[in-house]
Amino acid sequence: MKKWVKRNTGLLFILPWLFGFCVFKAYPFLSSLYYSFTDFNLFKGISEYGFMNYKEIFTDKDTISSLIVTFKYAFLTVPLKLAAALFIAYILNFKIKGVNFFRTAYYIPSILGGSVAIAVLWKALFRDDGVINSMLGMFGVAGPQWLSDPDYALFIICFLRVWQFGAAMVIFLAALKGVPTELYESASVEGASKWKQFFSITIPMISPVIFYNLVTQLCQAFQEFNGPYIITQGGPRKSTMLISLMVYRSAFQQNEMGMASALAWVMFIVVMVLTVISFLSQKYWVYYSDEDGGR
């Protein structure tokens, strides 16, 4: 018995984690896959099995429109957020007065941005009679209907996400601190401009971090819920109806857990495919200095 305990001490220590993983991760994951092939209703149970949910997803106009809106949202927010984070991190990497204050100030939105209170505040800012239009009115400019016009609503939701660039900025800042100063000194001696140094030295040296932020932000963008739900609830005319809102509507408003599970799995597959593409593409643009001279 003592020998068995000694050999399996590590297993005993991770038993709590294994229990939590099986109960709260593996079981829901596999059960949602099972329910996605049923018409499971919270109150009526299961009466049919098959691919009917997936057929409906790819034939229903509203669902297809929601997928398109989700792709627009992700491909707008992720590049803009990464660009803003890298730009601010590059500036804050210089030794300027009060830099610690600015680093904290730029990071705060990432802490508060996902909260319900900030989404409510954002709605108050951009509603038809909100703060933004009131300020524009002081200059004699008639502000548009930011949240009531389909041409603007999605961009306002995207702007909320881009505003929360603090976490990515901190990671970029740490990467910039790790770039050897000797490279910049040598480039300066050769007469390279700051722009040339940025694109020829900075970007390649921090490309692994850019790749990491790209993948994580892409996954987060496809799971966005709070902002669109609280600010527009998918409107106007479903212009901000992300796939996550469709999952919520199917599960908790229509009680169709089978359809909600199918939608969640479609979203999972989309994110997985994009992640795989990102990993396959890294050999063309990500530089690893410790792998045979880099890529």
C-alpha atoms as a PDB file:
ATOM      1  CA  MET A   1       0.000   0.000   0.000  1.00  0.00           C
ATOM      2  CA  LYS A   2       2.801   2.421   0.895  1.00  0.00           C
ATOM      3  CA  LYS A   3       4.544   1.698  -2.409  1.00  0.00           C
ATOM      4  CA  TRP A   4       1.326   2.337  -4.327  1.00  0.00           C
ATOM      5  CA  VAL A   5       0.776   5.642  -2.514  1.00  0.00           C
ATOM      6  CA  LYS A   6       4.385   6.662  -3.147  1.00  0.00           C
ATOM      7  CA  ARG A   7       4.127   5.898  -6.863  1.00  0.00           C
ATOM      8  CA  ASN A   8       0.801   7.678  -7.255  1.00  0.00           C
ATOM      9  CA  THR A   9       1.345  10.699  -5.028  1.00  0.00           C
ATOM     10  CA  GLY A  10       1.185  13.003  -8.024  1.00  0.00           C
ATOM     11  CA  LEU A  11      -2.129  11.489  -9.110  1.00  0.00           C
ATOM     12  CA  LEU A  12      -3.573  12.061  -5.648  1.00  0.00           C
ATOM     13  CA  PHE A  13      -2.577  15.710  -5.785  1.00  0.00           C
ATOM     14  CA  ILE A  14      -4.279  16.303  -9.151  1.00  0.00           C
ATOM     15  CA  LEU A  15      -7.456  14.368  -8.274  1.00  0.00           C
ATOM     16  CA  PRO A  16      -9.359  17.592  -7.358  1.00  0.00           C
ATOM     17  CA  TRP A  17      -8.417  19.101 -10.720  1.00  0.00           C
ATOM     18  CA  LEU A  18      -9.368  15.896 -12.561  1.00  0.00           C
ATOM     19  CA  PHE A  19     -12.735  15.833 -10.811  1.00  0.00           C
ATOM     20  CA  GLY A  20     -13.395  19.466 -11.677  1.00  0.00           C
ATOM     21  CA  PHE A  21     -12.304  18.955 -15.280  1.00  0.00           C
ATOM     22  CA  CYS A  22     -14.534  15.907 -15.784  1.00  0.00           C
ATOM     23  CA  VAL A  23     -17.596  17.433 -14.124  1.00  0.00           C
ATOM     24  CA  PHE A  24     -17.370  21.038 -15.320  1.00  0.00           C
ATOM     25  CA  LYS A  25     -15.489  20.701 -18.638  1.00  0.00           C
ATOM     26  CA  ALA A  26     -15.528  17.234 -20.221  1.00  0.00           C
ATOM     27  CA  TYR A  27     -19.114  16.279 -19.365  1.00  0.00           C
ATOM     28  CA  PRO A  28     -20.709  19.553 -20.591  1.00  0.00           C
ATOM     29  CA  PHE A  29     -18.496  19.454 -23.690  1.00  0.00           C
ATOM     30  CA  LEU A  30     -19.518  15.932 -24.677  1.00  0.00           C
ATOM     31  CA  SER A  31     -23.149  16.303 -23.619  1.00  0.00           C
ATOM     32  CA  SER A  32     -23.540  19.415 -25.795  1.00  0.00           C
ATOM     33  CA  LEU A  33     -22.254  17.393 -28.749  1.00  0.00           C
ATOM     34  CA  TYR A  34     -24.868  14.742 -28.010  1.00  0.00           C
ATOM     35  CA  TYR A  35     -27.681  17.276 -27.601  1.00  0.00           C
ATOM     36  CA  SER A  36     -26.711  19.015 -30.843  1.00  0.00           C
ATOM     37  CA  PHE A  37     -28.054  15.975 -32.699  1.00  0.00           C
ATOM     38  CA  THR A  38     -31.403  16.120 -30.883  1.00  0.00           C
ATOM     39  CA  ASP A  39     -34.373  18.478 -30.606  1.00  0.00           C
ATOM     40  CA  PHE A  40     -33.873  18.638 -26.830  1.00  0.00           C
ATOM     41  CA  ASN A  41     -36.241  21.129 -25.193  1.00  0.00           C
ATOM     42  CA  LEU A  42     -35.865  22.097 -21.536  1.00  0.00           C
ATOM     43  CA  PHE A  43     -39.532  21.348 -20.827  1.00  0.00           C
ATOM     44  CA  LYS A  44     -40.519  18.850 -23.519  1.00  0.00           C
ATOM     45  CA  GLY A  45     -37.416  16.661 -23.551  1.00  0.00           C
ATOM     46  CA  ILE A  46     -36.153  14.829 -26.658  1.00  0.00           C
ATOM     47  CA  SER A  47     -38.440  13.539 -29.385  1.00  0.00           C
ATOM     48  CA  GLU A  48     -36.163  13.454 -32.441  1.00  0.00           C
ATOM     49  CA  TYR A  49     -32.562  12.593 -33.298  1.00  0.00           C
ATOM     50  CA  GLY A  50     -30.563  13.516 -36.387  1.00  0.00           C
ATOM     51  CA  PHE A  51     -28.868  16.351 -38.263  1.00  0.00           C
ATOM     52  CA  MET A  52     -31.962  18.599 -38.340  1.00  0.00           C
ATOM     53  CA  ASN A  53     -30.312  21.335 -36.242  1.00  0.00           C
ATOM     54  CA  TYR A  54     -27.294  21.588 -38.520  1.00  0.00           C
ATOM     55  CA  LYS A  55     -29.499  21.543 -41.627  1.00  0.00           C
ATOM     56  CA  GLU A  56     -31.522  24.417 -40.195  1.00  0.00           C
ATOM     57  CA  ILE A  57     -28.402  26.382 -39.289  1.00  0.00           C
ATOM     58  CA  PHE A  58     -27.079  26.341 -42.857  1.00  0.00           C
ATOM     59  CA  THR A  59     -30.462  26.928 -44.511  1.00  0.00           C
ATOM     60  CA  ASP A  60     -31.980  29.521 -42.170  1.00  0.00           C
ATOM     61  CA  LYS A  61     -31.369  33.082 -43.394  1.00  0.00           C
ATOM     62  CA  ASP A  62     -31.218  34.541 -39.894  1.00  0.00           C
ATOM     63  CA  THR A  63     -28.553  32.085 -38.760  1.00  0.00           C
ATOM     64  CA  ILE A  64     -26.439  32.586 -41.884  1.00  0.00           C
ATOM     65  CA  SER A  65     -26.768  36.355 -41.425  1.00  0.00           C
ATOM     66  CA  SER A  66     -25.649  35.959 -37.805  1.00  0.00           C
ATOM     67  CA  LEU A  67     -22.561  34.011 -38.911  1.00  0.00           C
ATOM     68  CA  ILE A  68     -21.702  36.739 -41.425  1.00  0.00           C
ATOM     69  CA  VAL A  69     -22.122  39.450 -38.767  1.00  0.00           C
ATOM     70  CA  THR A  70     -19.895  37.479 -36.382  1.00  0.00           C
ATOM     71  CA  PHE A  71     -17.162  37.208 -39.022  1.00  0.00           C
ATOM     72  CA  LYS A  72     -17.434  40.952 -39.716  1.00  0.00           C
ATOM     73  CA  TYR A  73     -17.194  41.688 -36.014  1.00  0.00           C
ATOM     74  CA  ALA A  74     -14.152  39.448 -35.506  1.00  0.00           C
ATOM     75  CA  PHE A  75     -12.262  40.612 -38.580  1.00  0.00           C
ATOM     76  CA  LEU A  76     -12.895  44.259 -37.707  1.00  0.00           C
ATOM     77  CA  THR A  77     -12.083  44.157 -34.013  1.00  0.00           C
ATOM     78  CA  VAL A  78      -9.070  41.850 -33.924  1.00  0.00           C
ATOM     79  CA  PRO A  79      -6.792  43.751 -36.377  1.00  0.00           C
ATOM     80  CA  LEU A  80      -7.841  47.160 -34.993  1.00  0.00           C
ATOM     81  CA  LYS A  81      -7.354  46.041 -31.395  1.00  0.00           C
ATOM     82  CA  LEU A  82      -3.924  44.555 -32.099  1.00  0.00           C
ATOM     83  CA  ALA A  83      -2.859  47.660 -34.034  1.00  0.00           C
ATOM     84  CA  ALA A  84      -4.002  49.977 -31.226  1.00  0.00           C
ATOM     85  CA  ALA A  85      -2.339  47.804 -28.570  1.00  0.00           C
ATOM     86  CA  LEU A  86       0.961  47.637 -30.453  1.00  0.00           C
ATOM     87  CA  PHE A  87       0.956  51.370 -31.220  1.00  0.00           C
ATOM     88  CA  ILE A  88       0.355  52.388 -27.593  1.00  0.00           C
ATOM     89  CA  ALA A  89       2.820  49.784 -26.298  1.00  0.00           C
ATOM     90  CA  TYR A  90       5.482  51.116 -28.691  1.00  0.00           C
ATOM     91  CA  ILE A  91       4.956  54.659 -27.395  1.00  0.00           C
ATOM     92  CA  LEU A  92       4.933  53.587 -23.738  1.00  0.00           C
ATOM     93  CA  ASN A  93       8.179  51.686 -24.272  1.00  0.00           C
ATOM     94  CA  PHE A  94      10.028  55.001 -24.446  1.00  0.00           C
ATOM     95  CA  LYS A  95      11.295  56.651 -21.287  1.00  0.00           C
ATOM     96  CA  ILE A  96       8.816  59.485 -20.919  1.00  0.00           C
ATOM     97  CA  LYS A  97       7.626  61.366 -17.854  1.00  0.00           C
ATOM     98  CA  GLY A  98       4.707  59.732 -16.060  1.00  0.00           C
ATOM     99  CA  VAL A  99       4.897  56.572 -18.183  1.00  0.00           C
ATOM    100  CA  ASN A 100       3.715  54.348 -15.314  1.00  0.00           C
ATOM    101  CA  PHE A 101       0.540  56.412 -14.964  1.00  0.00           C
ATOM    102  CA  PHE A 102      -0.218  56.093 -18.677  1.00  0.00           C
ATOM    103  CA  ARG A 103       0.436  52.340 -18.624  1.00  0.00           C
ATOM    104  CA  THR A 104      -2.092  51.963 -15.816  1.00  0.00           C
ATOM    105  CA  ALA A 105      -4.607  54.279 -17.484  1.00  0.00           C
ATOM    106  CA  TYR A 106      -4.493  52.383 -20.761  1.00  0.00           C
ATOM    107  CA  TYR A 107      -4.818  49.029 -18.989  1.00  0.00           C
ATOM    108  CA  ILE A 108      -7.900  49.924 -16.923  1.00  0.00           C
ATOM    109  CA  PRO A 109     -10.402  49.528 -19.837  1.00  0.00           C
ATOM    110  CA  SER A 110      -9.405  45.863 -20.143  1.00  0.00           C
ATOM    111  CA  ILE A 111     -10.427  45.321 -16.527  1.00  0.00           C
ATOM    112  CA  LEU A 112     -13.717  47.218 -16.766  1.00  0.00           C
ATOM    113  CA  GLY A 113     -14.582  46.710 -20.437  1.00  0.00           C
ATOM    114  CA  GLY A 114     -16.352  43.354 -20.096  1.00  0.00           C
ATOM    115  CA  SER A 115     -18.613  44.519 -17.262  1.00  0.00           C
ATOM    116  CA  VAL A 116     -22.314  45.214 -17.578  1.00  0.00           C
ATOM    117  CA  ALA A 117     -21.840  48.729 -16.176  1.00  0.00           C
ATOM    118  CA  ILE A 118     -19.462  49.728 -18.977  1.00  0.00           C
ATOM    119  CA  ALA A 119     -21.865  48.359 -21.612  1.00  0.00           C
ATOM    120  CA  VAL A 120     -24.674  50.434 -20.077  1.00  0.00           C
ATOM    121  CA  LEU A 121     -22.385  53.485 -20.068  1.00  0.00           C
ATOM    122  CA  TRP A 122     -21.484  52.848 -23.717  1.00  0.00           C
ATOM    123  CA  LYS A 123     -25.172  52.718 -24.574  1.00  0.00           C
ATOM    124  CA  ALA A 124     -25.740  56.026 -22.783  1.00  0.00           C
ATOM    125  CA  LEU A 125     -22.882  57.598 -24.725  1.00  0.00           C
ATOM    126  CA  PHE A 126     -24.081  56.591 -28.186  1.00  0.00           C
ATOM    127  CA  ARG A 127     -27.877  56.563 -27.956  1.00  0.00           C
ATOM    128  CA  ASP A 128     -29.781  59.077 -30.086  1.00  0.00           C
ATOM    129  CA  ASP A 129     -29.925  61.671 -27.285  1.00  0.00           C
ATOM    130  CA  GLY A 130     -26.705  60.531 -25.655  1.00  0.00           C
ATOM    131  CA  VAL A 131     -23.527  62.316 -24.679  1.00  0.00           C
ATOM    132  CA  ILE A 132     -21.828  62.029 -28.083  1.00  0.00           C
ATOM    133  CA  ASN A 133     -24.729  63.550 -30.025  1.00  0.00           C
ATOM    134  CA  SER A 134     -25.170  66.232 -27.361  1.00  0.00           C
ATOM    135  CA  MET A 135     -21.530  67.246 -27.751  1.00  0.00           C
ATOM    136  CA  LEU A 136     -21.865  67.278 -31.540  1.00  0.00           C
ATOM    137  CA  GLY A 137     -24.991  69.420 -31.187  1.00  0.00           C
ATOM    138  CA  MET A 138     -22.966  72.063 -29.317  1.00  0.00           C
ATOM    139  CA  PHE A 139     -21.027  72.584 -32.545  1.00  0.00           C
ATOM    140  CA  GLY A 140     -24.140  72.611 -34.708  1.00  0.00           C
ATOM    141  CA  VAL A 141     -23.582  69.065 -36.003  1.00  0.00           C
ATOM    142  CA  ALA A 142     -26.533  66.674 -36.098  1.00  0.00           C
ATOM    143  CA  GLY A 143     -25.205  63.355 -34.878  1.00  0.00           C
ATOM    144  CA  PRO A 144     -26.351  60.134 -36.540  1.00  0.00           C
ATOM    145  CA  GLN A 145     -28.444  57.459 -34.883  1.00  0.00           C
ATOM    146  CA  TRP A 146     -25.466  55.426 -33.735  1.00  0.00           C
ATOM    147  CA  LEU A 147     -27.383  52.499 -32.259  1.00  0.00           C
ATOM    148  CA  SER A 148     -30.560  52.729 -34.346  1.00  0.00           C
ATOM    149  CA  ASP A 149     -28.906  52.697 -37.748  1.00  0.00           C
ATOM    150  CA  PRO A 150     -27.626  49.322 -39.069  1.00  0.00           C
ATOM    151  CA  ASP A 151     -24.796  51.139 -40.842  1.00  0.00           C
ATOM    152  CA  TYR A 152     -23.352  52.382 -37.529  1.00  0.00           C
ATOM    153  CA  ALA A 153     -24.453  49.922 -34.819  1.00  0.00           C
ATOM    154  CA  LEU A 154     -21.907  47.192 -35.550  1.00  0.00           C
ATOM    155  CA  PHE A 155     -19.048  49.693 -35.646  1.00  0.00           C
ATOM    156  CA  ILE A 156     -20.040  51.050 -32.227  1.00  0.00           C
ATOM    157  CA  ILE A 157     -20.015  47.518 -30.800  1.00  0.00           C
ATOM    158  CA  CYS A 158     -16.627  46.912 -32.438  1.00  0.00           C
ATOM    159  CA  PHE A 159     -15.304  50.169 -31.007  1.00  0.00           C
ATOM    160  CA  LEU A 160     -16.172  48.984 -27.492  1.00  0.00           C
ATOM    161  CA  ARG A 161     -14.078  45.864 -28.031  1.00  0.00           C
ATOM    162  CA  VAL A 162     -11.158  47.774 -29.574  1.00  0.00           C
ATOM    163  CA  TRP A 163     -11.201  50.155 -26.593  1.00  0.00           C
ATOM    164  CA  GLN A 164     -10.330  47.192 -24.349  1.00  0.00           C
ATOM    165  CA  PHE A 165      -6.814  46.772 -25.766  1.00  0.00           C
ATOM    166  CA  GLY A 166      -4.995  47.021 -22.411  1.00  0.00           C
ATOM    167  CA  ALA A 167      -4.284  43.310 -21.892  1.00  0.00           C
ATOM    168  CA  ALA A 168      -2.787  42.897 -25.366  1.00  0.00           C
ATOM    169  CA  MET A 169      -0.857  46.139 -24.858  1.00  0.00           C
ATOM    170  CA  VAL A 170       0.807  44.836 -21.678  1.00  0.00           C
ATOM    171  CA  ILE A 171       1.909  41.666 -23.488  1.00  0.00           C
ATOM    172  CA  PHE A 172       3.267  43.710 -26.395  1.00  0.00           C
ATOM    173  CA  LEU A 173       5.077  45.992 -23.957  1.00  0.00           C
ATOM    174  CA  ALA A 174       6.791  43.028 -22.308  1.00  0.00           C
ATOM    175  CA  ALA A 175       7.849  41.748 -25.734  1.00  0.00           C
ATOM    176  CA  LEU A 176       9.222  45.148 -26.745  1.00  0.00           C
ATOM    177  CA  LYS A 177      11.309  45.228 -23.567  1.00  0.00           C
ATOM    178  CA  GLY A 178      12.925  41.984 -24.698  1.00  0.00           C
ATOM    179  CA  VAL A 179      14.149  43.268 -28.069  1.00  0.00           C
ATOM    180  CA  PRO A 180      17.965  43.704 -27.871  1.00  0.00           C
ATOM    181  CA  THR A 181      18.972  47.365 -28.018  1.00  0.00           C
ATOM    182  CA  GLU A 182      22.100  46.374 -29.959  1.00  0.00           C
ATOM    183  CA  LEU A 183      19.950  45.730 -33.010  1.00  0.00           C
ATOM    184  CA  TYR A 184      18.603  49.281 -32.971  1.00  0.00           C
ATOM    185  CA  GLU A 185      22.073  50.717 -32.410  1.00  0.00           C
ATOM    186  CA  SER A 186      23.469  48.801 -35.375  1.00  0.00           C
ATOM    187  CA  ALA A 187      20.554  49.865 -37.556  1.00  0.00           C
ATOM    188  CA  SER A 188      21.030  53.512 -36.547  1.00  0.00           C
ATOM    189  CA  VAL A 189      24.710  53.322 -37.499  1.00  0.00           C
ATOM    190  CA  GLU A 190      23.674  51.967 -40.896  1.00  0.00           C
ATOM    191  CA  GLY A 191      21.347  54.934 -41.317  1.00  0.00           C
ATOM    192  CA  ALA A 192      18.021  53.094 -40.963  1.00  0.00           C
ATOM    193  CA  SER A 193      15.060  55.322 -40.118  1.00  0.00           C
ATOM    194  CA  LYS A 194      12.721  54.694 -37.175  1.00  0.00           C
ATOM    195  CA  TRP A 195      10.078  53.286 -39.523  1.00  0.00           C
ATOM    196  CA  LYS A 196      12.628  50.988 -41.122  1.00  0.00           C
ATOM    197  CA  GLN A 197      13.770  49.790 -37.701  1.00  0.00           C
ATOM    198  CA  PHE A 198      10.181  49.205 -36.607  1.00  0.00           C
ATOM    199  CA  PHE A 199       9.267  47.017 -39.569  1.00  0.00           C
ATOM    200  CA  SER A 200      12.649  45.313 -39.995  1.00  0.00           C
ATOM    201  CA  ILE A 201      13.576  44.738 -36.350  1.00  0.00           C
ATOM    202  CA  THR A 202      10.677  45.300 -33.968  1.00  0.00           C
ATOM    203  CA  ILE A 203       7.948  43.449 -35.866  1.00  0.00           C
ATOM    204  CA  PRO A 204      10.026  40.317 -36.625  1.00  0.00           C
ATOM    205  CA  MET A 205      11.411  40.124 -33.085  1.00  0.00           C
ATOM    206  CA  ILE A 206       7.986  40.325 -31.439  1.00  0.00           C
ATOM    207  CA  SER A 207       6.162  38.276 -34.107  1.00  0.00           C
ATOM    208  CA  PRO A 208       5.648  35.291 -31.715  1.00  0.00           C
ATOM    209  CA  VAL A 209       3.812  37.617 -29.345  1.00  0.00           C
ATOM    210  CA  ILE A 210       1.804  39.064 -32.232  1.00  0.00           C
ATOM    211  CA  PHE A 211       0.824  35.513 -33.144  1.00  0.00           C
ATOM    212  CA  TYR A 212      -0.171  34.732 -29.549  1.00  0.00           C
ATOM    213  CA  ASN A 213      -2.313  37.867 -29.280  1.00  0.00           C
ATOM    214  CA  LEU A 214      -3.871  37.158 -32.674  1.00  0.00           C
ATOM    215  CA  VAL A 215      -5.041  33.680 -31.669  1.00  0.00           C
ATOM    216  CA  THR A 216      -6.302  34.675 -28.216  1.00  0.00           C
ATOM    217  CA  GLN A 217      -8.108  37.784 -29.446  1.00  0.00           C
ATOM    218  CA  LEU A 218      -9.674  35.831 -32.304  1.00  0.00           C
ATOM    219  CA  CYS A 219     -11.077  33.275 -29.860  1.00  0.00           C
ATOM    220  CA  GLN A 220     -12.401  36.013 -27.600  1.00  0.00           C
ATOM    221  CA  ALA A 221     -14.025  37.922 -30.457  1.00  0.00           C
ATOM    222  CA  PHE A 222     -16.121  34.934 -31.504  1.00  0.00           C
ATOM    223  CA  GLN A 223     -17.347  34.563 -27.919  1.00  0.00           C
ATOM    224  CA  GLU A 224     -18.345  38.199 -27.385  1.00  0.00           C
ATOM    225  CA  PHE A 225     -21.719  38.538 -25.683  1.00  0.00           C
ATOM    226  CA  ASN A 226     -22.094  41.286 -23.054  1.00  0.00           C
ATOM    227  CA  GLY A 227     -21.664  44.323 -25.286  1.00  0.00           C
ATOM    228  CA  PRO A 228     -23.990  43.388 -28.172  1.00  0.00           C
ATOM    229  CA  TYR A 229     -26.624  41.947 -25.822  1.00  0.00           C
ATOM    230  CA  ILE A 230     -26.807  44.897 -23.443  1.00  0.00           C
ATOM    231  CA  ILE A 231     -26.318  47.717 -25.935  1.00  0.00           C
ATOM    232  CA  THR A 232     -28.359  46.602 -28.956  1.00  0.00           C
ATOM    233  CA  GLN A 233     -29.695  43.102 -28.159  1.00  0.00           C
ATOM    234  CA  GLY A 234     -28.794  42.113 -31.709  1.00  0.00           C
ATOM    235  CA  GLY A 235     -30.516  45.036 -33.404  1.00  0.00           C
ATOM    236  CA  PRO A 236     -31.236  47.131 -35.283  1.00  0.00           C
ATOM    237  CA  ARG A 237     -32.569  44.727 -37.896  1.00  0.00           C
ATOM    238  CA  LYS A 238     -30.192  42.054 -36.578  1.00  0.00           C
ATOM    239  CA  SER A 239     -27.132  44.013 -37.689  1.00  0.00           C
ATOM    240  CA  THR A 240     -25.354  43.132 -34.423  1.00  0.00           C
ATOM    241  CA  MET A 241     -26.816  39.658 -33.910  1.00  0.00           C
ATOM    242  CA  LEU A 242     -23.657  37.684 -33.185  1.00  0.00           C
ATOM    243  CA  ILE A 243     -23.705  33.886 -33.067  1.00  0.00           C
ATOM    244  CA  SER A 244     -23.298  34.022 -29.276  1.00  0.00           C
ATOM    245  CA  LEU A 245     -26.590  35.926 -29.035  1.00  0.00           C
ATOM    246  CA  MET A 246     -28.216  33.274 -31.204  1.00  0.00           C
ATOM    247  CA  VAL A 247     -26.996  30.608 -28.768  1.00  0.00           C
ATOM    248  CA  TYR A 248     -28.450  32.551 -25.840  1.00  0.00           C
ATOM    249  CA  ARG A 249     -31.767  33.141 -27.596  1.00  0.00           C
ATOM    250  CA  SER A 250     -32.150  29.487 -28.547  1.00  0.00           C
ATOM    251  CA  ALA A 251     -31.165  28.179 -25.104  1.00  0.00           C
ATOM    252  CA  PHE A 252     -32.754  30.588 -22.635  1.00  0.00           C
ATOM    253  CA  GLN A 253     -35.545  32.322 -24.555  1.00  0.00           C
ATOM    254  CA  GLN A 254     -36.834  29.538 -26.773  1.00  0.00           C
ATOM    255  CA  ASN A 255     -35.671  26.660 -24.504  1.00  0.00           C
ATOM    256  CA  GLU A 256     -34.251  24.831 -27.549  1.00  0.00           C
ATOM    257  CA  MET A 257     -31.099  23.400 -26.024  1.00  0.00           C
ATOM    258  CA  GLY A 258     -30.507  21.113 -28.991  1.00  0.00           C
ATOM    259  CA  MET A 259     -30.325  24.038 -31.421  1.00  0.00           C
ATOM    260  CA  ALA A 260     -28.236  26.057 -28.955  1.00  0.00           C
ATOM    261  CA  SER A 261     -25.749  23.176 -28.664  1.00  0.00           C
ATOM    262  CA  ALA A 262     -25.531  22.877 -32.456  1.00  0.00           C
ATOM    263  CA  LEU A 263     -24.884  26.623 -32.793  1.00  0.00           C
ATOM    264  CA  ALA A 264     -22.196  26.419 -30.111  1.00  0.00           C
ATOM    265  CA  TRP A 265     -20.502  23.561 -31.946  1.00  0.00           C
ATOM    266  CA  VAL A 266     -20.591  25.444 -35.235  1.00  0.00           C
ATOM    267  CA  MET A 267     -18.928  28.379 -33.488  1.00  0.00           C
ATOM    268  CA  PHE A 268     -16.361  26.015 -31.939  1.00  0.00           C
ATOM    269  CA  ILE A 269     -15.527  24.476 -35.332  1.00  0.00           C
ATOM    270  CA  VAL A 270     -15.175  27.908 -36.953  1.00  0.00           C
ATOM    271  CA  VAL A 271     -12.791  29.075 -34.213  1.00  0.00           C
ATOM    272  CA  MET A 272     -10.848  25.807 -34.427  1.00  0.00           C
ATOM    273  CA  VAL A 273     -10.448  26.096 -38.205  1.00  0.00           C
ATOM    274  CA  LEU A 274      -9.269  29.708 -37.956  1.00  0.00           C
ATOM    275  CA  THR A 275      -6.841  28.746 -35.199  1.00  0.00           C
ATOM    276  CA  VAL A 276      -5.431  25.883 -37.274  1.00  0.00           C
ATOM    277  CA  ILE A 277      -5.012  28.238 -40.251  1.00  0.00           C
ATOM    278  CA  SER A 278      -3.202  30.698 -37.985  1.00  0.00           C
ATOM    279  CA  PHE A 279      -0.831  27.993 -36.749  1.00  0.00           C
ATOM    280  CA  LEU A 280      -0.144  26.799 -40.295  1.00  0.00           C
ATOM    281  CA  SER A 281       0.569  30.343 -41.452  1.00  0.00           C
ATOM    282  CA  GLN A 282       3.066  31.159 -38.704  1.00  0.00           C
ATOM    283  CA  LYS A 283       5.952  29.517 -40.550  1.00  0.00           C
ATOM    284  CA  TYR A 284       5.688  32.285 -43.163  1.00  0.00           C
ATOM    285  CA  TRP A 285       5.777  35.300 -40.846  1.00  0.00           C
ATOM    286  CA  VAL A 286       6.642  34.332 -37.257  1.00  0.00           C
ATOM    287  CA  TYR A 287      10.337  34.529 -36.340  1.00  0.00           C
ATOM    288  CA  TYR A 288      11.726  32.132 -33.720  1.00  0.00           C
ATOM    289  CA  SER A 289      15.348  32.946 -32.980  1.00  0.00           C
ATOM    290  CA  ASP A 290      16.021  29.649 -31.178  1.00  0.00           C
ATOM    291  CA  GLU A 291      15.036  27.349 -34.045  1.00  0.00           C
ATOM    292  CA  ASP A 292      17.879  26.817 -36.510  1.00  0.00           C
ATOM    293  CA  GLY A 293      18.551  30.476 -36.968  1.00  0.00           C
ATOM    294  CA  GLY A 294      14.879  31.394 -36.964  1.00  0.00           C
ATOM    295  CA  ARG A 295      12.235  31.415 -39.667  1.00  0.00           C
END
